Amino acid sequence: MQKKLRGSSDFGLRHELDGLAPTPAISVGLATQDQIATLAAIARREIPGIDLSAKGLAHFHRADPESIFAFSRNGSLLGGIAFLYLNCRGHDALLLDTIDLKNPQREFLASPEEEVSAIYVWALAAFGRAVVGIGNVAAYLRRPRFAAANYFAVPSSQAGRDLLIALGFERIPSFQDDLFSYERPWNRPTLMLPASGFSTRGHADARH
């Protein structure tokens, strides 16, 4: 996960990712083709060592328009976040470290019409407090196409690692070095409790 986070102290305390409320302070939406060149420039400027061309990001965006989000305020683009939506084969390849995360094979990516098996946080570059827009993105990714998929990330900086931990990610054993995962609340094992006196509300309801 390529990251450069100014203002990441906004998440200095632990916050459940799927419990974050969307913020009206930042405008967050699916990136448009007109924004791609600027987003690529922000990533190159804000993430040391990244080599991301506008052409490459545009190709990635055309393959799945829901994979890149833009953060803006008062009409100014402040950054964005990009995801790899992995299918079952891609999910396995991530855990086994047999996927090229910089240039993933198409066979490992979920099609736009396909439910996602795993969400990989591919890149996040944002100015200032734009990072609080993560709550808006998390709300979008509770939609049916994404809801069953856990999040994964490999931090590339201490700031990125700190943010992941603050959002409820934990490092997990895998062949992929330094892989962190966030398990969605409705995917977690539940205690076996007596039925009497307890709500029978299902896991699906917990997302809404």
Protein backbone atom coordinates (compact mmCIF):
# COMPACT_ATOMS: atom_id res chain seq x y z
CA MET A 1 0.00 0.00 0.00
CA GLN A 2 1.52 3.26 -1.14
CA LYS A 3 0.71 5.99 1.38
CA LYS A 4 1.57 9.56 2.24
CA LEU A 5 -0.59 10.93 5.02
CA ARG A 6 -0.49 14.43 6.36
CA GLY A 7 -3.07 14.88 9.09
CA SER A 8 -3.16 11.15 9.90
CA SER A 9 -3.19 12.13 13.57
CA ASP A 10 -6.95 12.48 13.08
CA PHE A 11 -6.93 8.69 13.48
CA GLY A 12 -4.51 8.66 16.42
CA LEU A 13 -6.98 6.63 18.49
CA ARG A 14 -8.41 3.32 17.33
CA HIS A 15 -11.52 3.70 15.18
CA GLU A 16 -13.46 0.80 13.68
CA LEU A 17 -13.27 1.28 9.90
CA ASP A 18 -16.86 0.18 9.30
CA GLY A 19 -17.98 2.34 12.21
CA LEU A 20 -16.63 5.59 10.77
CA ALA A 21 -19.31 8.12 9.93
CA PRO A 22 -19.15 9.90 6.57
CA THR A 23 -17.99 13.49 6.92
CA PRO A 24 -19.53 16.51 5.19
CA ALA A 25 -16.22 18.39 5.52
CA ILE A 26 -14.76 16.59 2.49
CA SER A 27 -16.41 15.79 -0.83
CA VAL A 28 -15.76 12.16 -1.70
CA GLY A 29 -16.88 10.43 -4.85
CA LEU A 30 -15.84 8.06 -7.57
CA ALA A 31 -13.01 9.59 -9.56
CA THR A 32 -13.71 10.81 -13.08
CA GLN A 33 -11.43 10.47 -16.08
CA ASP A 34 -10.86 14.25 -15.93
CA GLN A 35 -9.35 13.85 -12.44
CA ILE A 36 -7.00 10.97 -13.22
CA ALA A 37 -4.02 13.00 -14.42
CA THR A 38 -4.12 15.23 -11.32
CA LEU A 39 -4.52 12.23 -9.00
CA ALA A 40 -1.50 10.55 -10.62
CA ALA A 41 0.53 13.77 -10.16
CA ILE A 42 -0.49 13.98 -6.47
CA ALA A 43 0.54 10.36 -5.94
CA ARG A 44 3.93 10.90 -7.56
CA ARG A 45 4.51 14.03 -5.48
CA GLU A 46 3.26 12.68 -2.17
CA ILE A 47 4.46 9.04 -2.24
CA PRO A 48 8.25 8.61 -2.32
CA GLY A 49 9.48 6.26 -5.01
CA ILE A 50 6.13 5.69 -6.72
CA ASP A 51 6.13 5.56 -10.53
CA LEU A 52 2.51 6.08 -11.49
CA SER A 53 1.65 7.50 -14.88
CA ALA A 54 -1.65 9.13 -15.75
CA LYS A 55 -1.97 6.62 -18.63
CA GLY A 56 -1.50 3.66 -16.30
CA LEU A 57 -3.97 5.00 -13.73
CA ALA A 58 -6.49 5.78 -16.48
CA HIS A 59 -6.26 2.18 -17.72
CA PHE A 60 -6.80 0.93 -14.19
CA HIS A 61 -9.80 3.26 -13.80
CA ARG A 62 -11.40 2.21 -17.09
CA ALA A 63 -11.19 -1.44 -16.05
CA ASP A 64 -13.24 -0.73 -12.91
CA PRO A 65 -14.64 2.82 -12.41
CA GLU A 66 -15.48 1.98 -8.78
CA SER A 67 -11.85 1.33 -7.88
CA ILE A 68 -10.67 4.95 -7.43
CA PHE A 69 -12.17 7.64 -5.18
CA ALA A 70 -11.34 11.35 -5.21
CA PHE A 71 -11.23 13.69 -2.19
CA SER A 72 -11.96 17.37 -2.76
CA ARG A 73 -12.98 20.51 -0.91
CA ASN A 74 -14.37 23.72 -2.36
CA GLY A 75 -13.63 22.43 -5.84
CA SER A 76 -9.95 21.66 -5.13
CA LEU A 77 -8.75 18.10 -5.56
CA LEU A 78 -6.96 17.01 -2.37
CA GLY A 79 -6.09 13.43 -3.28
CA GLY A 80 -7.63 10.03 -3.57
CA ILE A 81 -7.61 6.37 -2.70
CA ALA A 82 -7.42 3.37 -5.05
CA PHE A 83 -8.28 -0.27 -4.45
CA LEU A 84 -7.66 -3.61 -6.11
CA TYR A 85 -10.87 -5.61 -6.01
CA LEU A 86 -9.75 -9.22 -6.00
CA ASN A 87 -11.75 -12.28 -7.00
CA CYS A 88 -11.28 -15.63 -5.25
CA ARG A 89 -8.15 -16.44 -7.29
CA GLY A 90 -6.71 -13.03 -6.54
CA HIS A 91 -7.52 -13.39 -2.85
CA ASP A 92 -5.55 -16.65 -2.72
CA ALA A 93 -2.72 -15.13 -4.75
CA LEU A 94 -2.48 -12.24 -2.29
CA LEU A 95 -2.11 -14.56 0.69
CA LEU A 96 0.39 -16.74 -1.18
CA ASP A 97 2.37 -13.74 -2.48
CA THR A 98 1.92 -14.82 -6.11
CA ILE A 99 0.36 -11.57 -7.35
CA ASP A 100 2.22 -8.54 -8.68
CA LEU A 101 0.55 -5.78 -6.67
CA LYS A 102 2.10 -3.03 -8.79
CA ASN A 103 0.77 -4.51 -12.02
CA PRO A 104 -1.81 -7.17 -11.09
CA GLN A 105 -2.80 -9.79 -13.61
CA ARG A 106 -6.33 -9.27 -14.92
CA GLU A 107 -7.28 -12.84 -14.01
CA PHE A 108 -6.97 -11.93 -10.33
CA LEU A 109 -9.28 -8.91 -10.45
CA ALA A 110 -13.04 -9.05 -9.99
CA SER A 111 -15.00 -7.81 -12.98
CA PRO A 112 -17.24 -4.77 -12.40
CA GLU A 113 -20.27 -7.09 -12.37
CA GLU A 114 -18.70 -9.56 -9.91
CA GLU A 115 -18.88 -9.60 -6.12
CA VAL A 116 -15.50 -8.93 -4.57
CA SER A 117 -13.64 -11.54 -2.49
CA ALA A 118 -10.97 -9.21 -1.03
CA ILE A 119 -10.36 -5.46 -1.07
CA TYR A 120 -6.70 -4.47 -1.29
CA VAL A 121 -5.84 -0.88 -0.39
CA TRP A 122 -3.55 -0.10 -3.32
CA ALA A 123 -2.73 3.58 -2.86
CA LEU A 124 -3.73 6.53 -0.70
CA ALA A 125 -2.38 10.03 -1.23
CA ALA A 126 -4.11 13.01 0.34
CA PHE A 127 -3.38 16.52 1.57
CA GLY A 128 -4.12 17.58 5.13
CA ARG A 129 -7.34 16.39 6.71
CA ALA A 130 -8.64 14.89 3.46
CA VAL A 131 -7.84 11.53 5.06
CA VAL A 132 -11.06 11.84 7.10
CA GLY A 133 -12.87 11.12 3.84
CA ILE A 134 -12.03 7.46 4.46
CA GLY A 135 -15.32 7.28 6.36
CA ASN A 136 -17.22 8.22 3.20
CA VAL A 137 -15.36 5.58 1.20
CA ALA A 138 -16.03 2.94 3.87
CA ALA A 139 -19.76 3.72 3.65
CA TYR A 140 -19.66 3.17 -0.13
CA LEU A 141 -17.85 -0.14 0.30
CA ARG A 142 -20.65 -1.49 2.48
CA ARG A 143 -22.68 -1.91 -0.72
CA PRO A 144 -23.61 -5.49 -1.70
CA ARG A 145 -20.81 -5.93 -4.25
CA PHE A 146 -18.15 -5.28 -1.58
CA ALA A 147 -19.79 -6.11 1.75
CA ALA A 148 -18.55 -9.71 2.07
CA ALA A 149 -14.92 -8.78 1.33
CA ASN A 150 -12.37 -8.09 4.05
CA TYR A 151 -9.75 -5.36 3.54
CA PHE A 152 -6.02 -6.02 3.09
CA ALA A 153 -3.00 -3.72 2.90
CA VAL A 154 0.79 -3.75 3.04
CA PRO A 155 1.99 -0.47 4.60
CA SER A 156 4.95 1.23 2.98
CA SER A 157 5.58 3.77 5.76
CA GLN A 158 5.26 4.09 9.51
CA ALA A 159 2.44 6.59 9.01
CA GLY A 160 0.61 4.04 6.89
CA ARG A 161 1.12 1.32 9.49
CA ASP A 162 -0.13 3.59 12.26
CA LEU A 163 -3.24 4.48 10.27
CA LEU A 164 -4.04 0.83 9.55
CA ILE A 165 -3.75 -0.07 13.22
CA ALA A 166 -5.92 2.91 14.19
CA LEU A 167 -8.61 1.68 11.76
CA GLY A 168 -8.68 -1.83 13.19
CA PHE A 169 -6.29 -3.64 10.82
CA GLU A 170 -4.11 -6.39 12.26
CA ARG A 171 -1.04 -8.06 10.83
CA ILE A 172 -1.82 -11.61 9.72
CA PRO A 173 0.32 -14.64 8.91
CA SER A 174 0.77 -15.08 5.16
CA PHE A 175 3.43 -15.56 2.51
CA GLN A 176 2.92 -11.88 1.64
CA ASP A 177 5.38 -9.88 3.72
CA ASP A 178 3.87 -7.49 6.28
CA LEU A 179 0.26 -8.12 5.24
CA PHE A 180 -2.44 -6.47 7.36
CA SER A 181 -6.12 -7.31 7.28
CA TYR A 182 -9.32 -5.72 8.52
CA GLU A 183 -12.09 -8.26 9.09
CA ARG A 184 -15.55 -6.84 8.52
CA PRO A 185 -17.65 -6.96 11.71
CA TRP A 186 -20.26 -9.26 10.15
CA ASN A 187 -17.54 -11.72 9.03
CA ARG A 188 -16.18 -12.22 12.54
CA PRO A 189 -16.97 -15.34 14.59
CA THR A 190 -19.73 -14.77 17.11
CA LEU A 191 -20.09 -16.30 20.53
CA MET A 192 -22.70 -19.03 20.87
CA LEU A 193 -25.33 -17.48 23.13
CA PRO A 194 -28.69 -18.85 24.37
CA ALA A 195 -31.46 -17.79 22.04
CA SER A 196 -33.73 -16.68 24.88
CA GLY A 197 -33.59 -12.97 25.61
CA PHE A 198 -31.32 -12.08 22.71
CA SER A 199 -32.09 -10.48 19.39
CA THR A 200 -32.11 -12.72 16.32
CA ARG A 201 -30.95 -9.84 14.12
CA GLY A 202 -28.81 -11.30 11.31
CA HIS A 203 -25.33 -10.39 10.18
CA ALA A 204 -26.69 -8.73 7.04
CA ASP A 205 -28.66 -6.30 9.21
CA ALA A 206 -25.49 -5.23 10.97
CA ARG A 207 -24.28 -3.53 7.82
CA HIS A 208 -27.19 -1.09 7.72
